[in-house]
Amino acid sequence: MASSTPLKGIELIDCAKANAKQGIETAAGLCGYGRDLNTFKQELQHACSQIGVQVNELSDLITDQQVIRQGEGVEVAPDTPSEL
């Protein structure tokens, strides 16, 4: 669910991190910045610098654990549509 007001600080970082894999446009929109990507980037960099984290791109927030989780899982499906 998109924020009705632009997020700041740790809330912005959490939201951006959770949506980083979906791309900057989606992350900015869900964090309350709509299509204002420049302000989103500036606020995200500012929020990260306040906690001592260097972020150059949104993808810098994607952790190795998030990448590994994407490949996990087993697909369970019937052999044919009639076996539903």
PDB file of N, CA and C in Angstrom:
ATOM      1  N   MET A   1       0.845  -1.174   0.000  1.00  0.00           N
ATOM      2  CA  MET A   1       0.000   0.000   0.000  1.00  0.00           C
ATOM      3  C   MET A   1       0.891   1.238   0.000  1.00  0.00           C
ATOM      4  N   ALA A   2       0.589   2.164  -0.866  1.00  0.00           N
ATOM      5  CA  ALA A   2       1.391   3.376  -0.992  1.00  0.00           C
ATOM      6  C   ALA A   2       1.120   4.326   0.175  1.00  0.00           C
ATOM      7  N   SER A   3       2.176   4.982   0.589  1.00  0.00           N
ATOM      8  CA  SER A   3       2.053   5.971   1.658  1.00  0.00           C
ATOM      9  C   SER A   3       1.373   7.221   1.107  1.00  0.00           C
ATOM     10  N   SER A   4       0.504   7.830   1.898  1.00  0.00           N
ATOM     11  CA  SER A   4      -0.190   9.041   1.456  1.00  0.00           C
ATOM     12  C   SER A   4       0.696  10.277   1.551  1.00  0.00           C
ATOM     13  N   THR A   5       1.726  10.218   2.379  1.00  0.00           N
ATOM     14  CA  THR A   5       2.698  11.306   2.496  1.00  0.00           C
ATOM     15  C   THR A   5       4.095  10.732   2.315  1.00  0.00           C
ATOM     16  N   PRO A   6       5.030  11.521   1.802  1.00  0.00           N
ATOM     17  CA  PRO A   6       6.394  11.019   1.608  1.00  0.00           C
ATOM     18  C   PRO A   6       7.020  10.569   2.932  1.00  0.00           C
ATOM     19  N   LEU A   7       7.532   9.372   2.928  1.00  0.00           N
ATOM     20  CA  LEU A   7       8.183   8.832   4.111  1.00  0.00           C
ATOM     21  C   LEU A   7       9.547   9.473   4.308  1.00  0.00           C
ATOM     22  N   LYS A   8      10.020   9.474   5.535  1.00  0.00           N
ATOM     23  CA  LYS A   8      11.326  10.044   5.873  1.00  0.00           C
ATOM     24  C   LYS A   8      12.052   9.066   6.791  1.00  0.00           C
ATOM     25  N   GLY A   9      13.338   9.246   6.929  1.00  0.00           N
ATOM     26  CA  GLY A   9      14.134   8.495   7.888  1.00  0.00           C
ATOM     27  C   GLY A   9      14.094   6.995   7.695  1.00  0.00           C
ATOM     28  N   ILE A  10      14.046   6.288   8.819  1.00  0.00           N
ATOM     29  CA  ILE A  10      14.106   4.830   8.798  1.00  0.00           C
ATOM     30  C   ILE A  10      12.895   4.220   8.105  1.00  0.00           C
ATOM     31  N   GLU A  11      11.735   4.884   8.175  1.00  0.00           N
ATOM     32  CA  GLU A  11      10.546   4.384   7.481  1.00  0.00           C
ATOM     33  C   GLU A  11      10.769   4.393   5.969  1.00  0.00           C
ATOM     34  N   LEU A  12      11.415   5.434   5.470  1.00  0.00           N
ATOM     35  CA  LEU A  12      11.735   5.513   4.050  1.00  0.00           C
ATOM     36  C   LEU A  12      12.699   4.402   3.664  1.00  0.00           C
ATOM     37  N   ILE A  13      13.719   4.195   4.462  1.00  0.00           N
ATOM     38  CA  ILE A  13      14.706   3.150   4.171  1.00  0.00           C
ATOM     39  C   ILE A  13      14.029   1.780   4.155  1.00  0.00           C
ATOM     40  N   ASP A  14      13.201   1.496   5.148  1.00  0.00           N
ATOM     41  CA  ASP A  14      12.504   0.211   5.216  1.00  0.00           C
ATOM     42  C   ASP A  14      11.607  -0.014   4.002  1.00  0.00           C
ATOM     43  N   CYS A  15      10.851   1.000   3.631  1.00  0.00           N
ATOM     44  CA  CYS A  15       9.953   0.897   2.483  1.00  0.00           C
ATOM     45  C   CYS A  15      10.742   0.721   1.187  1.00  0.00           C
ATOM     46  N   ALA A  16      11.788   1.516   1.013  1.00  0.00           N
ATOM     47  CA  ALA A  16      12.609   1.433  -0.192  1.00  0.00           C
ATOM     48  C   ALA A  16      13.278   0.068  -0.301  1.00  0.00           C
ATOM     49  N   LYS A  17      13.782  -0.446   0.807  1.00  0.00           N
ATOM     50  CA  LYS A  17      14.429  -1.754   0.809  1.00  0.00           C
ATOM     51  C   LYS A  17      13.440  -2.855   0.461  1.00  0.00           C
ATOM     52  N   ALA A  18      12.255  -2.785   1.027  1.00  0.00           N
ATOM     53  CA  ALA A  18      11.235  -3.805   0.774  1.00  0.00           C
ATOM     54  C   ALA A  18      10.789  -3.828  -0.684  1.00  0.00           C
ATOM     55  N   ASN A  19      10.887  -2.683  -1.365  1.00  0.00           N
ATOM     56  CA  ASN A  19      10.396  -2.587  -2.740  1.00  0.00           C
ATOM     57  C   ASN A  19      11.501  -2.396  -3.767  1.00  0.00           C
ATOM     58  N   ALA A  20      12.753  -2.503  -3.357  1.00  0.00           N
ATOM     59  CA  ALA A  20      13.886  -2.229  -4.252  1.00  0.00           C
ATOM     60  C   ALA A  20      13.910  -3.143  -5.467  1.00  0.00           C
ATOM     61  N   LYS A  21      13.544  -4.402  -5.304  1.00  0.00           N
ATOM     62  CA  LYS A  21      13.582  -5.340  -6.431  1.00  0.00           C
ATOM     63  C   LYS A  21      12.553  -4.996  -7.501  1.00  0.00           C
ATOM     64  N   GLN A  22      11.543  -4.226  -7.155  1.00  0.00           N
ATOM     65  CA  GLN A  22      10.504  -3.863  -8.115  1.00  0.00           C
ATOM     66  C   GLN A  22      10.884  -2.650  -8.955  1.00  0.00           C
ATOM     67  N   GLY A  23      11.983  -1.992  -8.623  1.00  0.00           N
ATOM     68  CA  GLY A  23      12.438  -0.850  -9.397  1.00  0.00           C
ATOM     69  C   GLY A  23      12.178   0.470  -8.698  1.00  0.00           C
ATOM     70  N   ILE A  24      12.886   1.493  -9.153  1.00  0.00           N
ATOM     71  CA  ILE A  24      12.830   2.789  -8.495  1.00  0.00           C
ATOM     72  C   ILE A  24      11.473   3.465  -8.644  1.00  0.00           C
ATOM     73  N   GLU A  25      10.820   3.301  -9.791  1.00  0.00           N
ATOM     74  CA  GLU A  25       9.519   3.946  -9.989  1.00  0.00           C
ATOM     75  C   GLU A  25       8.494   3.408  -9.006  1.00  0.00           C
ATOM     76  N   THR A  26       8.460   2.092  -8.847  1.00  0.00           N
ATOM     77  CA  THR A  26       7.526   1.466  -7.913  1.00  0.00           C
ATOM     78  C   THR A  26       7.864   1.843  -6.481  1.00  0.00           C
ATOM     79  N   ALA A  27       9.145   1.757  -6.135  1.00  0.00           N
ATOM     80  CA  ALA A  27       9.565   2.081  -4.769  1.00  0.00           C
ATOM     81  C   ALA A  27       9.222   3.528  -4.421  1.00  0.00           C
ATOM     82  N   ALA A  28       9.501   4.446  -5.327  1.00  0.00           N
ATOM     83  CA  ALA A  28       9.202   5.865  -5.073  1.00  0.00           C
ATOM     84  C   ALA A  28       7.705   6.072  -4.858  1.00  0.00           C
ATOM     85  N   GLY A  29       6.904   5.435  -5.684  1.00  0.00           N
ATOM     86  CA  GLY A  29       5.448   5.565  -5.548  1.00  0.00           C
ATOM     87  C   GLY A  29       4.941   5.017  -4.228  1.00  0.00           C
ATOM     88  N   LEU A  30       5.427   3.839  -3.839  1.00  0.00           N
ATOM     89  CA  LEU A  30       4.973   3.219  -2.603  1.00  0.00           C
ATOM     90  C   LEU A  30       5.484   3.943  -1.360  1.00  0.00           C
ATOM     91  N   CYS A  31       6.592   4.660  -1.510  1.00  0.00           N
ATOM     92  CA  CYS A  31       7.150   5.413  -0.381  1.00  0.00           C
ATOM     93  C   CYS A  31       6.562   6.820  -0.277  1.00  0.00           C
ATOM     94  N   GLY A  32       5.600   7.139  -1.158  1.00  0.00           N
ATOM     95  CA  GLY A  32       4.898   8.411  -1.068  1.00  0.00           C
ATOM     96  C   GLY A  32       5.449   9.525  -1.937  1.00  0.00           C
ATOM     97  N   TYR A  33       6.367   9.205  -2.856  1.00  0.00           N
ATOM     98  CA  TYR A  33       6.981  10.234  -3.693  1.00  0.00           C
ATOM     99  C   TYR A  33       6.411  10.272  -5.110  1.00  0.00           C
ATOM    100  N   GLY A  34       5.473   9.413  -5.391  1.00  0.00           N
ATOM    101  CA  GLY A  34       4.860   9.407  -6.719  1.00  0.00           C
ATOM    102  C   GLY A  34       5.893   9.240  -7.813  1.00  0.00           C
ATOM    103  N   ARG A  35       5.918  10.176  -8.755  1.00  0.00           N
ATOM    104  CA  ARG A  35       6.869  10.119  -9.865  1.00  0.00           C
ATOM    105  C   ARG A  35       8.083  11.033  -9.653  1.00  0.00           C
ATOM    106  N   ASP A  36       8.192  11.607  -8.480  1.00  0.00           N
ATOM    107  CA  ASP A  36       9.300  12.526  -8.176  1.00  0.00           C
ATOM    108  C   ASP A  36      10.534  11.723  -7.756  1.00  0.00           C
ATOM    109  N   LEU A  37      11.193  11.129  -8.747  1.00  0.00           N
ATOM    110  CA  LEU A  37      12.326  10.242  -8.484  1.00  0.00           C
ATOM    111  C   LEU A  37      13.530  10.981  -7.907  1.00  0.00           C
ATOM    112  N   ASN A  38      13.742  12.217  -8.332  1.00  0.00           N
ATOM    113  CA  ASN A  38      14.892  12.969  -7.821  1.00  0.00           C
ATOM    114  C   ASN A  38      14.771  13.227  -6.319  1.00  0.00           C
ATOM    115  N   THR A  39      13.611  13.668  -5.878  1.00  0.00           N
ATOM    116  CA  THR A  39      13.405  13.910  -4.450  1.00  0.00           C
ATOM    117  C   THR A  39      13.500  12.605  -3.673  1.00  0.00           C
ATOM    118  N   PHE A  40      12.938  11.538  -4.230  1.00  0.00           N
ATOM    119  CA  PHE A  40      13.015  10.228  -3.596  1.00  0.00           C
ATOM    120  C   PHE A  40      14.472   9.818  -3.385  1.00  0.00           C
ATOM    121  N   LYS A  41      15.290   9.932  -4.425  1.00  0.00           N
ATOM    122  CA  LYS A  41      16.715   9.569  -4.323  1.00  0.00           C
ATOM    123  C   LYS A  41      17.422  10.426  -3.281  1.00  0.00           C
ATOM    124  N   GLN A  42      17.168  11.726  -3.310  1.00  0.00           N
ATOM    125  CA  GLN A  42      17.825  12.633  -2.361  1.00  0.00           C
ATOM    126  C   GLN A  42      17.442  12.307  -0.923  1.00  0.00           C
ATOM    127  N   GLU A  43      16.151  12.104  -0.682  1.00  0.00           N
ATOM    128  CA  GLU A  43      15.686  11.802   0.673  1.00  0.00           C
ATOM    129  C   GLU A  43      16.207  10.448   1.145  1.00  0.00           C
ATOM    130  N   LEU A  44      16.269   9.483   0.236  1.00  0.00           N
ATOM    131  CA  LEU A  44      16.777   8.162   0.592  1.00  0.00           C
ATOM    132  C   LEU A  44      18.263   8.237   0.937  1.00  0.00           C
ATOM    133  N   GLN A  45      19.031   8.961   0.135  1.00  0.00           N
ATOM    134  CA  GLN A  45      20.457   9.124   0.422  1.00  0.00           C
ATOM    135  C   GLN A  45      20.664   9.857   1.744  1.00  0.00           C
ATOM    136  N   HIS A  46      19.849  10.871   1.996  1.00  0.00           N
ATOM    137  CA  HIS A  46      19.950  11.626   3.251  1.00  0.00           C
ATOM    138  C   HIS A  46      19.618  10.721   4.445  1.00  0.00           C
ATOM    139  N   ALA A  47      18.535   9.953   4.333  1.00  0.00           N
ATOM    140  CA  ALA A  47      18.139   9.059   5.422  1.00  0.00           C
ATOM    141  C   ALA A  47      19.220   8.018   5.688  1.00  0.00           C
ATOM    142  N   CYS A  48      19.796   7.476   4.630  1.00  0.00           N
ATOM    143  CA  CYS A  48      20.850   6.474   4.794  1.00  0.00           C
ATOM    144  C   CYS A  48      22.110   7.082   5.400  1.00  0.00           C
ATOM    145  N   SER A  49      22.450   8.293   4.993  1.00  0.00           N
ATOM    146  CA  SER A  49      23.651   8.927   5.549  1.00  0.00           C
ATOM    147  C   SER A  49      23.483   9.220   7.036  1.00  0.00           C
ATOM    148  N   GLN A  50      22.248   9.474   7.475  1.00  0.00           N
ATOM    149  CA  GLN A  50      21.986   9.729   8.886  1.00  0.00           C
ATOM    150  C   GLN A  50      22.262   8.500   9.758  1.00  0.00           C
ATOM    151  N   ILE A  51      22.146   7.308   9.176  1.00  0.00           N
ATOM    152  CA  ILE A  51      22.432   6.100   9.945  1.00  0.00           C
ATOM    153  C   ILE A  51      23.792   5.509   9.572  1.00  0.00           C
ATOM    154  N   GLY A  52      24.553   6.240   8.768  1.00  0.00           N
ATOM    155  CA  GLY A  52      25.910   5.832   8.435  1.00  0.00           C
ATOM    156  C   GLY A  52      26.030   4.808   7.326  1.00  0.00           C
ATOM    157  N   VAL A  53      25.050   4.786   6.423  1.00  0.00           N
ATOM    158  CA  VAL A  53      25.063   3.841   5.308  1.00  0.00           C
ATOM    159  C   VAL A  53      25.208   4.621   4.004  1.00  0.00           C
ATOM    160  N   GLN A  54      26.146   4.189   3.170  1.00  0.00           N
ATOM    161  CA  GLN A  54      26.368   4.818   1.861  1.00  0.00           C
ATOM    162  C   GLN A  54      25.512   4.099   0.820  1.00  0.00           C
ATOM    163  N   VAL A  55      24.617   4.828   0.170  1.00  0.00           N
ATOM    164  CA  VAL A  55      23.760   4.266  -0.868  1.00  0.00           C
ATOM    165  C   VAL A  55      23.890   5.130  -2.109  1.00  0.00           C
ATOM    166  N   ASN A  56      24.316   4.506  -3.213  1.00  0.00           N
ATOM    167  CA  ASN A  56      24.425   5.233  -4.477  1.00  0.00           C
ATOM    168  C   ASN A  56      23.232   4.963  -5.381  1.00  0.00           C
ATOM    169  N   GLU A  57      22.714   3.744  -5.300  1.00  0.00           N
ATOM    170  CA  GLU A  57      21.565   3.339  -6.108  1.00  0.00           C
ATOM    171  C   GLU A  57      20.597   2.559  -5.233  1.00  0.00           C
ATOM    172  N   LEU A  58      19.362   2.480  -5.661  1.00  0.00           N
ATOM    173  CA  LEU A  58      18.354   1.740  -4.919  1.00  0.00           C
ATOM    174  C   LEU A  58      18.759   0.277  -4.766  1.00  0.00           C
ATOM    175  N   SER A  59      19.403  -0.275  -5.763  1.00  0.00           N
ATOM    176  CA  SER A  59      19.803  -1.684  -5.707  1.00  0.00           C
ATOM    177  C   SER A  59      20.825  -1.954  -4.603  1.00  0.00           C
ATOM    178  N   ASP A  60      21.474  -0.918  -4.092  1.00  0.00           N
ATOM    179  CA  ASP A  60      22.413  -1.094  -2.975  1.00  0.00           C
ATOM    180  C   ASP A  60      21.694  -1.583  -1.718  1.00  0.00           C
ATOM    181  N   LEU A  61      20.382  -1.385  -1.645  1.00  0.00           N
ATOM    182  CA  LEU A  61      19.611  -1.810  -0.479  1.00  0.00           C
ATOM    183  C   LEU A  61      19.215  -3.280  -0.526  1.00  0.00           C
ATOM    184  N   ILE A  62      19.375  -3.923  -1.686  1.00  0.00           N
ATOM    185  CA  ILE A  62      19.010  -5.328  -1.821  1.00  0.00           C
ATOM    186  C   ILE A  62      20.116  -6.171  -1.188  1.00  0.00           C
ATOM    187  N   THR A  63      19.750  -6.932  -0.178  1.00  0.00           N
ATOM    188  CA  THR A  63      20.735  -7.748   0.534  1.00  0.00           C
ATOM    189  C   THR A  63      20.899  -9.108  -0.141  1.00  0.00           C
ATOM    190  N   ASP A  64      21.987  -9.783   0.183  1.00  0.00           N
ATOM    191  CA  ASP A  64      22.223 -11.124  -0.342  1.00  0.00           C
ATOM    192  C   ASP A  64      21.106 -12.071   0.069  1.00  0.00           C
ATOM    193  N   GLN A  65      20.576 -11.902   1.264  1.00  0.00           N
ATOM    194  CA  GLN A  65      19.495 -12.767   1.743  1.00  0.00           C
ATOM    195  C   GLN A  65      18.252 -12.619   0.874  1.00  0.00           C
ATOM    196  N   GLN A  66      17.957 -11.396   0.429  1.00  0.00           N
ATOM    197  CA  GLN A  66      16.798 -11.190  -0.430  1.00  0.00           C
ATOM    198  C   GLN A  66      16.997 -11.872  -1.779  1.00  0.00           C
ATOM    199  N   VAL A  67      18.203 -11.847  -2.295  1.00  0.00           N
ATOM    200  CA  VAL A  67      18.506 -12.473  -3.577  1.00  0.00           C
ATOM    201  C   VAL A  67      18.397 -13.989  -3.456  1.00  0.00           C
ATOM    202  N   ILE A  68      18.907 -14.554  -2.377  1.00  0.00           N
ATOM    203  CA  ILE A  68      18.868 -16.000  -2.173  1.00  0.00           C
ATOM    204  C   ILE A  68      17.436 -16.486  -2.017  1.00  0.00           C
ATOM    205  N   ARG A  69      16.623 -15.756  -1.262  1.00  0.00           N
ATOM    206  CA  ARG A  69      15.230 -16.151  -1.034  1.00  0.00           C
ATOM    207  C   ARG A  69      14.444 -16.235  -2.325  1.00  0.00           C
ATOM    208  N   GLN A  70      14.784 -15.417  -3.286  1.00  0.00           N
ATOM    209  CA  GLN A  70      14.055 -15.381  -4.543  1.00  0.00           C
ATOM    210  C   GLN A  70      14.136 -16.725  -5.259  1.00  0.00           C
ATOM    211  N   GLY A  71      15.272 -17.415  -5.153  1.00  0.00           N
ATOM    212  CA  GLY A  71      15.451 -18.685  -5.836  1.00  0.00           C
ATOM    213  C   GLY A  71      14.928 -19.885  -5.084  1.00  0.00           C
ATOM    214  N   GLU A  72      14.528 -19.720  -3.829  1.00  0.00           N
ATOM    215  CA  GLU A  72      14.067 -20.847  -3.029  1.00  0.00           C
ATOM    216  C   GLU A  72      12.641 -21.224  -3.364  1.00  0.00           C
ATOM    217  N   GLY A  73      12.295 -22.435  -2.987  1.00  0.00           N
ATOM    218  CA  GLY A  73      10.919 -22.868  -3.115  1.00  0.00           C
ATOM    219  C   GLY A  73      10.753 -24.022  -4.073  1.00  0.00           C
ATOM    220  N   VAL A  74       9.637 -24.689  -3.954  1.00  0.00           N
ATOM    221  CA  VAL A  74       9.299 -25.805  -4.816  1.00  0.00           C
ATOM    222  C   VAL A  74       7.922 -25.524  -5.390  1.00  0.00           C
ATOM    223  N   GLU A  75       7.794 -25.679  -6.684  1.00  0.00           N
ATOM    224  CA  GLU A  75       6.509 -25.452  -7.320  1.00  0.00           C
ATOM    225  C   GLU A  75       5.704 -26.739  -7.281  1.00  0.00           C
ATOM    226  N   VAL A  76       4.479 -26.644  -6.794  1.00  0.00           N
ATOM    227  CA  VAL A  76       3.591 -27.786  -6.720  1.00  0.00           C
ATOM    228  C   VAL A  76       2.407 -27.480  -7.622  1.00  0.00           C
ATOM    229  N   ALA A  77       2.233 -28.316  -8.629  1.00  0.00           N
ATOM    230  CA  ALA A  77       1.154 -28.092  -9.593  1.00  0.00           C
ATOM    231  C   ALA A  77       0.719 -29.429 -10.180  1.00  0.00           C
ATOM    232  N   PRO A  78      -0.528 -29.500 -10.637  1.00  0.00           N
ATOM    233  CA  PRO A  78      -0.990 -30.739 -11.271  1.00  0.00           C
ATOM    234  C   PRO A  78      -0.319 -30.934 -12.626  1.00  0.00           C
ATOM    235  N   ASP A  79      -0.305 -32.174 -13.115  1.00  0.00           N
ATOM    236  CA  ASP A  79       0.299 -32.456 -14.408  1.00  0.00           C
ATOM    237  C   ASP A  79      -0.508 -31.878 -15.562  1.00  0.00           C
ATOM    238  N   THR A  80      -1.828 -31.843 -15.401  1.00  0.00           N
ATOM    239  CA  THR A  80      -2.686 -31.291 -16.441  1.00  0.00           C
ATOM    240  C   THR A  80      -3.774 -30.449 -15.802  1.00  0.00           C
ATOM    241  N   PRO A  81      -4.406 -29.542 -16.567  1.00  0.00           N
ATOM    242  CA  PRO A  81      -5.489 -28.717 -16.016  1.00  0.00           C
ATOM    243  C   PRO A  81      -6.682 -29.538 -15.512  1.00  0.00           C
ATOM    244  N   SER A  82      -6.904 -30.716 -16.071  1.00  0.00           N
ATOM    245  CA  SER A  82      -8.037 -31.526 -15.625  1.00  0.00           C
ATOM    246  C   SER A  82      -7.798 -32.185 -14.278  1.00  0.00           C
ATOM    247  N   GLU A  83      -6.569 -32.174 -13.793  1.00  0.00           N
ATOM    248  CA  GLU A  83      -6.235 -32.783 -12.501  1.00  0.00           C
ATOM    249  C   GLU A  83      -6.257 -31.770 -11.359  1.00  0.00           C
ATOM    250  N   LEU A  84      -6.911 -30.635 -11.553  1.00  0.00           N
ATOM    251  CA  LEU A  84      -7.000 -29.640 -10.501  1.00  0.00           C
ATOM    252  C   LEU A  84      -7.823 -30.174  -9.376  1.00  0.00           C
TER     253      LEU A  84
END
